[in-house]
């Protein structure tokens, strides 16, 4: 399965709008998503209910919707930040994995296959042009 780079801002938004969806976006883990989604929906419902009940108490003279909105933001902002951070971590791991693969020696396939593998590493940006030329030169020296 080919792993693609994920976008932190998009991940933060979808995680904020649909709590726990970061686990689907990054790792395709539906079970973890469902647990987090159901749990956070209950928490959000309780916070909104608490905000509405505080709003209706006579001692509070706040504008309509301010209290539920503020309490909801207490949950939504960390969800957005968590989605962005998890995506950044995923992208770092992806980069490390690509670097590791680029440093591995090319297998003992025939020269044509080895050249194709080196070209693929260069095309995907896992090795620089100089590394590509060095590996290509080493391959031709082995012949």
N, C-alpha and C. Protein backbone atom coordinates (compact mmCIF):
# COMPACT_ATOMS: atom_id res chain seq x y z
N UNK A 1 0.84 -1.17 0.00
CA UNK A 1 0.00 0.00 0.00
C UNK A 1 0.89 1.24 0.00
N UNK A 2 0.66 2.12 -0.95
CA UNK A 2 1.45 3.34 -1.04
C UNK A 2 0.92 4.35 -0.04
N UNK A 3 1.84 4.94 0.73
CA UNK A 3 1.46 5.93 1.71
C UNK A 3 1.67 7.31 1.12
N UNK A 4 0.68 8.16 1.25
CA UNK A 4 0.76 9.52 0.73
C UNK A 4 0.87 10.51 1.87
N UNK A 5 1.49 11.63 1.56
CA UNK A 5 1.59 12.72 2.52
C UNK A 5 0.18 13.24 2.81
N UNK A 6 -0.08 13.56 4.06
CA UNK A 6 -1.38 14.10 4.47
C UNK A 6 -1.22 15.58 4.79
N UNK A 7 -2.30 16.31 4.72
CA UNK A 7 -2.28 17.76 4.92
C UNK A 7 -2.80 18.11 6.32
N UNK A 8 -1.94 18.72 7.16
CA UNK A 8 -2.31 18.99 8.55
C UNK A 8 -3.55 19.87 8.72
N UNK A 9 -3.69 20.92 7.92
CA UNK A 9 -4.83 21.81 8.09
C UNK A 9 -6.14 21.09 7.78
N UNK A 10 -6.14 20.31 6.70
CA UNK A 10 -7.33 19.54 6.33
C UNK A 10 -7.64 18.52 7.42
N UNK A 11 -6.61 17.87 7.93
CA UNK A 11 -6.80 16.88 9.00
C UNK A 11 -7.40 17.53 10.23
N UNK A 12 -6.91 18.72 10.59
CA UNK A 12 -7.45 19.43 11.73
C UNK A 12 -8.92 19.77 11.55
N UNK A 13 -9.27 20.23 10.35
CA UNK A 13 -10.66 20.58 10.08
C UNK A 13 -11.59 19.37 10.16
N UNK A 14 -11.19 18.28 9.49
CA UNK A 14 -12.09 17.12 9.50
C UNK A 14 -12.17 16.50 10.89
N UNK A 15 -11.09 16.58 11.65
CA UNK A 15 -11.13 16.05 13.01
C UNK A 15 -12.01 16.92 13.91
N UNK A 16 -12.04 18.21 13.63
CA UNK A 16 -12.87 19.12 14.42
C UNK A 16 -14.35 18.93 14.05
N UNK A 17 -14.63 18.79 12.77
CA UNK A 17 -16.01 18.66 12.32
C UNK A 17 -16.59 17.28 12.60
N UNK A 18 -15.75 16.28 12.53
CA UNK A 18 -16.17 14.90 12.78
C UNK A 18 -15.15 14.29 13.74
N UNK A 19 -15.36 14.45 15.05
CA UNK A 19 -14.36 14.04 16.04
C UNK A 19 -13.88 12.59 15.85
N UNK A 20 -12.56 12.42 15.87
CA UNK A 20 -11.97 11.11 15.73
C UNK A 20 -11.67 10.71 14.30
N UNK A 21 -12.12 11.51 13.33
CA UNK A 21 -11.94 11.14 11.92
C UNK A 21 -10.48 11.15 11.49
N UNK A 22 -9.61 11.73 12.30
CA UNK A 22 -8.18 11.72 11.99
C UNK A 22 -7.67 10.28 11.88
N UNK A 23 -8.26 9.38 12.64
CA UNK A 23 -7.82 7.98 12.61
C UNK A 23 -8.21 7.30 11.30
N UNK A 24 -9.27 7.75 10.68
CA UNK A 24 -9.63 7.23 9.35
C UNK A 24 -8.73 7.87 8.31
N UNK A 25 -8.54 9.18 8.39
CA UNK A 25 -7.75 9.92 7.41
C UNK A 25 -6.31 9.43 7.33
N UNK A 26 -5.72 9.14 8.47
CA UNK A 26 -4.32 8.75 8.49
C UNK A 26 -4.14 7.24 8.42
N UNK A 27 -4.81 6.50 9.30
CA UNK A 27 -4.50 5.08 9.47
C UNK A 27 -5.60 4.12 9.05
N UNK A 28 -6.74 4.62 8.64
CA UNK A 28 -7.88 3.77 8.26
C UNK A 28 -8.33 2.89 9.41
N UNK A 29 -8.31 3.43 10.63
CA UNK A 29 -8.72 2.68 11.83
C UNK A 29 -10.15 3.09 12.20
N UNK A 30 -11.11 2.33 11.71
CA UNK A 30 -12.52 2.64 11.92
C UNK A 30 -12.96 2.41 13.36
N UNK A 31 -12.44 1.39 14.02
CA UNK A 31 -12.82 1.09 15.40
C UNK A 31 -12.46 2.23 16.33
N UNK A 32 -11.24 2.71 16.21
CA UNK A 32 -10.80 3.83 17.05
C UNK A 32 -11.64 5.08 16.78
N UNK A 33 -11.95 5.29 15.49
CA UNK A 33 -12.79 6.43 15.13
C UNK A 33 -14.14 6.36 15.82
N UNK A 34 -14.79 5.20 15.76
CA UNK A 34 -16.13 5.06 16.35
C UNK A 34 -16.12 5.31 17.86
N UNK A 35 -15.12 4.78 18.54
CA UNK A 35 -15.03 4.98 19.99
C UNK A 35 -14.87 6.46 20.32
N UNK A 36 -13.96 7.13 19.64
CA UNK A 36 -13.72 8.55 19.92
C UNK A 36 -14.93 9.38 19.51
N UNK A 37 -15.51 9.06 18.36
CA UNK A 37 -16.67 9.82 17.87
C UNK A 37 -17.83 9.76 18.86
N UNK A 38 -18.17 8.56 19.29
CA UNK A 38 -19.30 8.40 20.21
C UNK A 38 -19.00 9.09 21.55
N UNK A 39 -17.80 8.89 22.07
CA UNK A 39 -17.42 9.51 23.34
C UNK A 39 -17.45 11.02 23.29
N UNK A 40 -16.88 11.59 22.23
CA UNK A 40 -16.84 13.05 22.14
C UNK A 40 -18.20 13.65 21.82
N UNK A 41 -19.03 12.94 21.11
CA UNK A 41 -20.39 13.44 20.86
C UNK A 41 -21.16 13.52 22.17
N UNK A 42 -20.96 12.56 23.05
CA UNK A 42 -21.60 12.60 24.37
C UNK A 42 -21.07 13.79 25.17
N UNK A 43 -19.75 13.98 25.14
CA UNK A 43 -19.15 15.11 25.86
C UNK A 43 -19.67 16.44 25.31
N UNK A 44 -19.72 16.56 23.98
CA UNK A 44 -20.23 17.79 23.37
C UNK A 44 -21.69 18.04 23.76
N UNK A 45 -22.51 17.00 23.74
CA UNK A 45 -23.92 17.15 24.12
C UNK A 45 -24.03 17.61 25.57
N UNK A 46 -23.21 17.03 26.44
CA UNK A 46 -23.23 17.45 27.85
C UNK A 46 -22.78 18.90 28.02
N UNK A 47 -21.74 19.29 27.29
CA UNK A 47 -21.25 20.67 27.38
C UNK A 47 -22.29 21.66 26.86
N UNK A 48 -22.94 21.33 25.77
CA UNK A 48 -23.97 22.22 25.23
C UNK A 48 -25.14 22.30 26.22
N UNK A 49 -25.53 21.16 26.77
CA UNK A 49 -26.60 21.17 27.78
C UNK A 49 -26.23 21.99 29.00
N UNK A 50 -24.98 21.86 29.45
CA UNK A 50 -24.51 22.64 30.59
C UNK A 50 -24.53 24.13 30.26
N UNK A 51 -24.07 24.46 29.06
CA UNK A 51 -24.05 25.86 28.65
C UNK A 51 -25.44 26.45 28.57
N UNK A 52 -26.38 25.69 28.03
CA UNK A 52 -27.76 26.17 27.92
C UNK A 52 -28.37 26.35 29.31
N UNK A 53 -28.13 25.39 30.20
CA UNK A 53 -28.68 25.52 31.56
C UNK A 53 -28.06 26.70 32.31
N UNK A 54 -26.76 26.93 32.12
CA UNK A 54 -26.13 28.11 32.74
C UNK A 54 -26.71 29.40 32.16
N UNK A 55 -26.98 29.36 30.88
CA UNK A 55 -27.52 30.53 30.20
C UNK A 55 -28.90 30.89 30.74
N UNK A 56 -29.66 29.89 31.12
CA UNK A 56 -31.04 30.11 31.57
C UNK A 56 -31.14 30.48 33.05
N UNK A 57 -30.06 30.37 33.78
CA UNK A 57 -30.12 30.76 35.20
C UNK A 57 -30.25 32.27 35.30
N UNK A 58 -31.06 32.75 36.22
CA UNK A 58 -31.31 34.19 36.32
C UNK A 58 -30.08 35.01 36.71
N UNK A 59 -29.13 34.41 37.37
CA UNK A 59 -27.97 35.19 37.82
C UNK A 59 -26.98 35.49 36.69
N UNK A 60 -27.09 34.78 35.56
CA UNK A 60 -26.20 35.03 34.42
C UNK A 60 -26.88 35.98 33.44
N UNK A 61 -26.26 37.08 33.15
CA UNK A 61 -26.78 38.02 32.15
C UNK A 61 -25.84 38.05 30.96
N UNK A 62 -25.65 36.91 30.32
CA UNK A 62 -24.77 36.81 29.15
C UNK A 62 -25.60 36.82 27.88
N UNK A 63 -25.02 37.26 26.77
CA UNK A 63 -25.74 37.21 25.50
C UNK A 63 -26.11 35.76 25.15
N UNK A 64 -27.22 35.62 24.45
CA UNK A 64 -27.74 34.31 24.08
C UNK A 64 -26.68 33.52 23.29
N UNK A 65 -26.42 32.28 23.69
CA UNK A 65 -25.51 31.39 22.97
C UNK A 65 -24.05 31.53 23.33
N UNK A 66 -23.68 32.52 24.12
CA UNK A 66 -22.27 32.73 24.45
C UNK A 66 -21.71 31.59 25.28
N UNK A 67 -22.42 31.17 26.29
CA UNK A 67 -21.93 30.12 27.18
C UNK A 67 -21.82 28.76 26.46
N UNK A 68 -22.85 28.31 25.74
CA UNK A 68 -22.70 27.04 25.01
C UNK A 68 -21.59 27.10 23.97
N UNK A 69 -21.46 28.24 23.31
CA UNK A 69 -20.41 28.39 22.30
C UNK A 69 -19.02 28.30 22.90
N UNK A 70 -18.83 28.97 24.03
CA UNK A 70 -17.52 28.95 24.69
C UNK A 70 -17.18 27.55 25.17
N UNK A 71 -18.16 26.86 25.75
CA UNK A 71 -17.90 25.50 26.24
C UNK A 71 -17.63 24.54 25.08
N UNK A 72 -18.30 24.73 23.96
CA UNK A 72 -18.07 23.89 22.79
C UNK A 72 -16.67 24.11 22.23
N UNK A 73 -16.21 25.37 22.22
CA UNK A 73 -14.86 25.67 21.73
C UNK A 73 -13.79 24.99 22.57
N UNK A 74 -14.08 24.77 23.84
CA UNK A 74 -13.12 24.08 24.71
C UNK A 74 -12.83 22.68 24.18
N UNK A 75 -13.76 22.08 23.46
CA UNK A 75 -13.57 20.76 22.88
C UNK A 75 -13.07 20.86 21.45
N UNK A 76 -13.62 21.79 20.66
CA UNK A 76 -13.30 21.84 19.23
C UNK A 76 -11.86 22.28 18.93
N UNK A 77 -11.37 23.25 19.67
CA UNK A 77 -10.00 23.73 19.41
C UNK A 77 -8.97 22.63 19.65
N UNK A 78 -9.02 21.90 20.76
CA UNK A 78 -8.06 20.80 20.93
C UNK A 78 -8.21 19.71 19.86
N UNK A 79 -9.43 19.48 19.38
CA UNK A 79 -9.61 18.50 18.31
C UNK A 79 -8.89 18.95 17.04
N UNK A 80 -8.99 20.23 16.70
CA UNK A 80 -8.31 20.77 15.53
C UNK A 80 -6.79 20.64 15.69
N UNK A 81 -6.29 21.05 16.83
CA UNK A 81 -4.84 20.99 17.08
C UNK A 81 -4.35 19.55 17.09
N UNK A 82 -5.11 18.65 17.70
CA UNK A 82 -4.73 17.24 17.73
C UNK A 82 -4.66 16.65 16.32
N UNK A 83 -5.63 16.99 15.48
CA UNK A 83 -5.62 16.50 14.10
C UNK A 83 -4.39 16.98 13.34
N UNK A 84 -4.05 18.24 13.52
CA UNK A 84 -2.85 18.79 12.85
C UNK A 84 -1.59 18.11 13.36
N UNK A 85 -1.47 17.94 14.68
CA UNK A 85 -0.27 17.34 15.25
C UNK A 85 -0.10 15.89 14.83
N UNK A 86 -1.18 15.11 14.85
CA UNK A 86 -1.08 13.71 14.43
C UNK A 86 -0.67 13.59 12.97
N UNK A 87 -1.15 14.50 12.13
CA UNK A 87 -0.79 14.48 10.72
C UNK A 87 0.68 14.85 10.54
N UNK A 88 1.14 15.81 11.28
CA UNK A 88 2.57 16.17 11.20
C UNK A 88 3.45 15.00 11.61
N UNK A 89 3.06 14.30 12.68
CA UNK A 89 3.82 13.13 13.13
C UNK A 89 3.82 12.05 12.04
N UNK A 90 2.67 11.83 11.42
CA UNK A 90 2.55 10.84 10.35
C UNK A 90 3.48 11.21 9.19
N UNK A 91 3.50 12.49 8.80
CA UNK A 91 4.35 12.92 7.70
C UNK A 91 5.83 12.78 8.04
N UNK A 92 6.21 13.03 9.31
CA UNK A 92 7.60 12.84 9.71
C UNK A 92 8.01 11.38 9.60
N UNK A 93 7.13 10.49 10.05
CA UNK A 93 7.41 9.05 9.96
C UNK A 93 7.52 8.62 8.50
N UNK A 94 6.67 9.16 7.66
CA UNK A 94 6.69 8.84 6.24
C UNK A 94 8.01 9.28 5.62
N UNK A 95 8.48 10.46 6.03
CA UNK A 95 9.74 10.98 5.50
C UNK A 95 10.91 10.11 5.97
N UNK A 96 10.88 9.70 7.26
CA UNK A 96 11.94 8.84 7.79
C UNK A 96 11.97 7.51 7.05
N UNK A 97 10.78 6.95 6.81
CA UNK A 97 10.68 5.68 6.11
C UNK A 97 11.26 5.79 4.70
N UNK A 98 10.94 6.88 4.03
CA UNK A 98 11.47 7.10 2.68
C UNK A 98 12.98 7.27 2.69
N UNK A 99 13.49 7.99 3.68
CA UNK A 99 14.93 8.17 3.79
C UNK A 99 15.62 6.83 4.03
N UNK A 100 15.05 6.02 4.91
CA UNK A 100 15.63 4.71 5.20
C UNK A 100 15.67 3.85 3.93
N UNK A 101 14.58 3.86 3.17
CA UNK A 101 14.54 3.07 1.94
C UNK A 101 15.57 3.57 0.93
N UNK A 102 15.79 4.89 0.91
CA UNK A 102 16.74 5.43 -0.05
C UNK A 102 18.18 5.08 0.29
N UNK A 103 18.45 4.80 1.57
CA UNK A 103 19.80 4.48 2.00
C UNK A 103 20.13 2.99 1.89
N UNK A 104 19.11 2.17 1.68
CA UNK A 104 19.34 0.73 1.56
C UNK A 104 20.03 0.43 0.23
N UNK A 105 20.94 -0.52 0.24
CA UNK A 105 21.59 -0.87 -1.01
C UNK A 105 20.59 -1.49 -1.98
N UNK A 106 20.85 -1.25 -3.26
CA UNK A 106 19.99 -1.82 -4.29
C UNK A 106 20.25 -3.32 -4.35
N UNK A 107 19.18 -4.09 -4.49
CA UNK A 107 19.31 -5.54 -4.47
C UNK A 107 20.14 -6.04 -5.65
N UNK A 108 20.39 -7.32 -5.67
CA UNK A 108 21.24 -7.92 -6.69
C UNK A 108 20.45 -8.36 -7.93
N UNK A 109 19.45 -7.57 -8.31
CA UNK A 109 18.72 -7.85 -9.54
C UNK A 109 19.63 -7.57 -10.73
N UNK A 110 19.11 -7.81 -11.92
CA UNK A 110 19.94 -7.49 -13.08
C UNK A 110 20.08 -5.97 -13.20
N UNK A 111 21.02 -5.54 -13.99
CA UNK A 111 21.38 -4.12 -14.08
C UNK A 111 20.19 -3.25 -14.49
N UNK A 112 19.38 -3.74 -15.39
CA UNK A 112 18.23 -2.97 -15.86
C UNK A 112 17.23 -2.72 -14.72
N UNK A 113 16.95 -3.75 -13.93
CA UNK A 113 16.02 -3.61 -12.81
C UNK A 113 16.59 -2.68 -11.74
N UNK A 114 17.89 -2.81 -11.47
CA UNK A 114 18.53 -1.93 -10.49
C UNK A 114 18.46 -0.47 -10.94
N UNK A 115 18.69 -0.24 -12.22
CA UNK A 115 18.64 1.11 -12.77
C UNK A 115 17.22 1.69 -12.65
N UNK A 116 16.23 0.86 -12.88
CA UNK A 116 14.83 1.31 -12.73
C UNK A 116 14.53 1.67 -11.28
N UNK A 117 15.03 0.88 -10.33
CA UNK A 117 14.80 1.16 -8.91
C UNK A 117 15.47 2.48 -8.51
N UNK A 118 16.68 2.69 -9.00
CA UNK A 118 17.39 3.93 -8.70
C UNK A 118 16.62 5.12 -9.29
N UNK A 119 16.14 4.97 -10.52
CA UNK A 119 15.39 6.04 -11.17
C UNK A 119 14.10 6.34 -10.40
N UNK A 120 13.45 5.29 -9.90
CA UNK A 120 12.21 5.48 -9.13
C UNK A 120 12.50 6.26 -7.84
N UNK A 121 13.60 5.92 -7.16
CA UNK A 121 13.99 6.66 -5.96
C UNK A 121 14.22 8.14 -6.29
N UNK A 122 14.85 8.39 -7.43
CA UNK A 122 15.12 9.77 -7.85
C UNK A 122 13.82 10.49 -8.20
N UNK A 123 12.93 9.82 -8.91
CA UNK A 123 11.66 10.44 -9.33
C UNK A 123 10.77 10.79 -8.15
N UNK A 124 10.81 9.97 -7.11
CA UNK A 124 9.97 10.24 -5.94
C UNK A 124 10.64 11.21 -4.97
N UNK A 125 11.86 11.62 -5.26
CA UNK A 125 12.54 12.59 -4.42
C UNK A 125 13.20 12.01 -3.19
N UNK A 126 13.35 10.69 -3.16
CA UNK A 126 13.97 10.07 -2.00
C UNK A 126 15.49 10.16 -2.03
N UNK A 127 16.06 10.36 -3.21
CA UNK A 127 17.49 10.60 -3.31
C UNK A 127 17.71 11.81 -4.20
N UNK A 128 18.84 12.48 -3.99
CA UNK A 128 19.16 13.67 -4.77
C UNK A 128 19.74 13.26 -6.12
N UNK A 129 19.92 14.24 -6.97
CA UNK A 129 20.50 13.99 -8.29
C UNK A 129 21.93 13.44 -8.15
N UNK A 130 22.66 13.95 -7.18
CA UNK A 130 24.04 13.48 -6.97
C UNK A 130 24.04 12.04 -6.47
N UNK A 131 23.15 11.72 -5.53
CA UNK A 131 23.07 10.34 -5.05
C UNK A 131 22.68 9.41 -6.21
N UNK A 132 21.78 9.88 -7.05
CA UNK A 132 21.37 9.10 -8.21
C UNK A 132 22.56 8.81 -9.12
N UNK A 133 23.34 9.85 -9.40
CA UNK A 133 24.50 9.67 -10.27
C UNK A 133 25.54 8.74 -9.64
N UNK A 134 25.75 8.87 -8.33
CA UNK A 134 26.71 7.99 -7.64
C UNK A 134 26.27 6.53 -7.69
N UNK A 135 24.99 6.29 -7.42
CA UNK A 135 24.48 4.91 -7.46
C UNK A 135 24.55 4.36 -8.88
N UNK A 136 24.25 5.19 -9.86
CA UNK A 136 24.29 4.77 -11.26
C UNK A 136 25.73 4.45 -11.67
N UNK A 137 26.66 5.28 -11.21
CA UNK A 137 28.08 5.07 -11.52
C UNK A 137 28.56 3.77 -10.86
N UNK A 138 28.18 3.54 -9.59
CA UNK A 138 28.56 2.32 -8.90
C UNK A 138 27.99 1.10 -9.60
N UNK A 139 26.81 1.22 -10.11
CA UNK A 139 26.17 0.12 -10.83
C UNK A 139 26.93 -0.20 -12.12
N UNK A 140 27.35 0.83 -12.85
CA UNK A 140 28.07 0.58 -14.09
C UNK A 140 29.49 0.05 -13.82
N UNK A 141 30.08 0.41 -12.65
CA UNK A 141 31.41 -0.09 -12.30
C UNK A 141 31.38 -1.57 -11.93
N UNK A 142 30.23 -2.06 -11.46
CA UNK A 142 30.12 -3.46 -11.06
C UNK A 142 30.05 -4.39 -12.26
N UNK A 143 29.70 -3.86 -13.41
CA UNK A 143 29.53 -4.71 -14.60
C UNK A 143 30.81 -5.33 -15.05
